């Protein structure tokens, strides 16, 4: 997604980014689509993090003990990714307003 944003340094060599006003809306849209996908994935992650054993025998209990930590790790990672994407969308929107 970043390759659609002109990342050339401004005159004076001070660093930073410049944006092509025609492309920034498309970039923001892609990040918003990713955000929507992550929100849908969160519902699945929540199910995985709270799986219940299908039976009361030892094999089912072992399965639950193994499945829940993986689901919880996925849930945590998804939450962090959602926060990252939200912050990136906010930064792109703020940059667009300054154009």
Protein backbone atom coordinates (compact mmCIF):
# COMPACT_ATOMS: atom_id res chain seq x y z
CA UNK A 1 0.00 0.00 0.00
CA UNK A 2 2.84 2.36 0.77
CA UNK A 3 4.10 2.19 -2.81
CA UNK A 4 1.08 4.21 -3.91
CA UNK A 5 2.22 7.15 -1.80
CA UNK A 6 5.05 9.31 -3.09
CA UNK A 7 7.73 8.97 -0.46
CA UNK A 8 10.24 11.40 -1.85
CA UNK A 9 12.01 13.75 0.54
CA UNK A 10 10.93 17.38 0.39
CA UNK A 11 13.31 20.06 -0.86
CA UNK A 12 15.87 21.06 1.72
CA UNK A 13 16.66 17.49 2.78
CA UNK A 14 14.70 17.74 6.04
CA UNK A 15 13.20 14.26 5.66
CA UNK A 16 9.53 13.38 5.80
CA UNK A 17 6.95 12.38 3.25
CA UNK A 18 4.99 14.03 0.48
CA UNK A 19 1.67 12.71 -0.74
CA UNK A 20 0.03 12.68 -4.13
CA UNK A 21 -3.43 14.11 -3.42
CA UNK A 22 -5.02 12.01 -6.18
CA UNK A 23 -3.83 8.74 -4.67
CA UNK A 24 -4.26 9.27 -0.96
CA UNK A 25 -8.00 8.45 -0.98
CA UNK A 26 -7.29 5.10 -2.64
CA UNK A 27 -4.62 4.32 -0.06
CA UNK A 28 -6.94 5.25 2.81
CA UNK A 29 -9.66 3.04 1.30
CA UNK A 30 -7.31 0.05 1.18
CA UNK A 31 -6.41 0.54 4.83
CA UNK A 32 -10.09 0.86 5.73
CA UNK A 33 -10.80 -2.39 3.89
CA UNK A 34 -8.02 -4.05 5.88
CA UNK A 35 -9.54 -2.65 9.07
CA UNK A 36 -12.93 -4.18 8.17
CA UNK A 37 -11.28 -7.55 7.48
CA UNK A 38 -9.52 -7.44 10.83
CA UNK A 39 -12.79 -6.71 12.62
CA UNK A 40 -14.37 -9.75 10.96
CA UNK A 41 -11.35 -11.86 11.90
CA UNK A 42 -11.70 -10.68 15.50
CA UNK A 43 -15.05 -12.47 15.81
CA UNK A 44 -13.41 -15.71 14.64
CA UNK A 45 -10.48 -15.14 16.98
CA UNK A 46 -12.87 -14.69 19.87
CA UNK A 47 -14.44 -18.07 19.13
CA UNK A 48 -11.00 -19.69 18.91
CA UNK A 49 -9.90 -18.13 22.20
CA UNK A 50 -12.93 -19.46 24.05
CA UNK A 51 -13.30 -22.94 22.59
CA UNK A 52 -14.97 -25.50 24.82
CA UNK A 53 -14.12 -29.18 24.97
CA UNK A 54 -16.51 -31.28 22.89
CA UNK A 55 -16.71 -33.92 25.62
CA UNK A 56 -15.81 -34.58 29.23
CA UNK A 57 -13.13 -37.21 28.62
CA UNK A 58 -9.41 -36.47 28.96
CA UNK A 59 -8.79 -36.18 25.20
CA UNK A 60 -11.34 -33.38 24.84
CA UNK A 61 -9.93 -31.58 27.86
CA UNK A 62 -6.42 -31.77 26.40
CA UNK A 63 -7.70 -30.43 23.08
CA UNK A 64 -9.30 -27.43 24.83
CA UNK A 65 -6.09 -26.69 26.76
CA UNK A 66 -4.10 -26.67 23.52
CA UNK A 67 -6.60 -24.73 21.39
CA UNK A 68 -7.37 -21.82 23.73
CA UNK A 69 -3.81 -20.40 24.04
CA UNK A 70 -3.48 -20.30 20.25
CA UNK A 71 -6.81 -18.55 19.93
CA UNK A 72 -5.88 -16.06 22.63
CA UNK A 73 -2.57 -15.30 20.92
CA UNK A 74 -4.42 -14.72 17.63
CA UNK A 75 -6.94 -12.48 19.41
CA UNK A 76 -4.16 -10.42 20.98
CA UNK A 77 -2.31 -10.06 17.68
CA UNK A 78 -5.50 -9.08 15.89
CA UNK A 79 -6.19 -6.38 18.50
CA UNK A 80 -2.70 -4.96 18.08
CA UNK A 81 -3.02 -4.99 14.31
CA UNK A 82 -6.39 -3.22 14.49
CA UNK A 83 -4.82 -0.50 16.65
CA UNK A 84 -1.91 -0.13 14.21
CA UNK A 85 -4.25 0.12 11.21
CA UNK A 86 -6.49 2.66 12.97
CA UNK A 87 -3.48 4.83 13.83
CA UNK A 88 -2.23 4.60 10.24
CA UNK A 89 -5.63 5.61 8.84
CA UNK A 90 -5.72 8.53 11.29
CA UNK A 91 -2.24 9.61 10.17
CA UNK A 92 -3.15 9.37 6.48
CA UNK A 93 -6.37 11.30 7.06
CA UNK A 94 -4.49 14.02 8.94
CA UNK A 95 -1.91 14.22 6.14
CA UNK A 96 -4.69 14.47 3.56
CA UNK A 97 -6.27 17.39 5.44
CA UNK A 98 -2.96 19.24 5.27
CA UNK A 99 -2.67 18.83 1.49
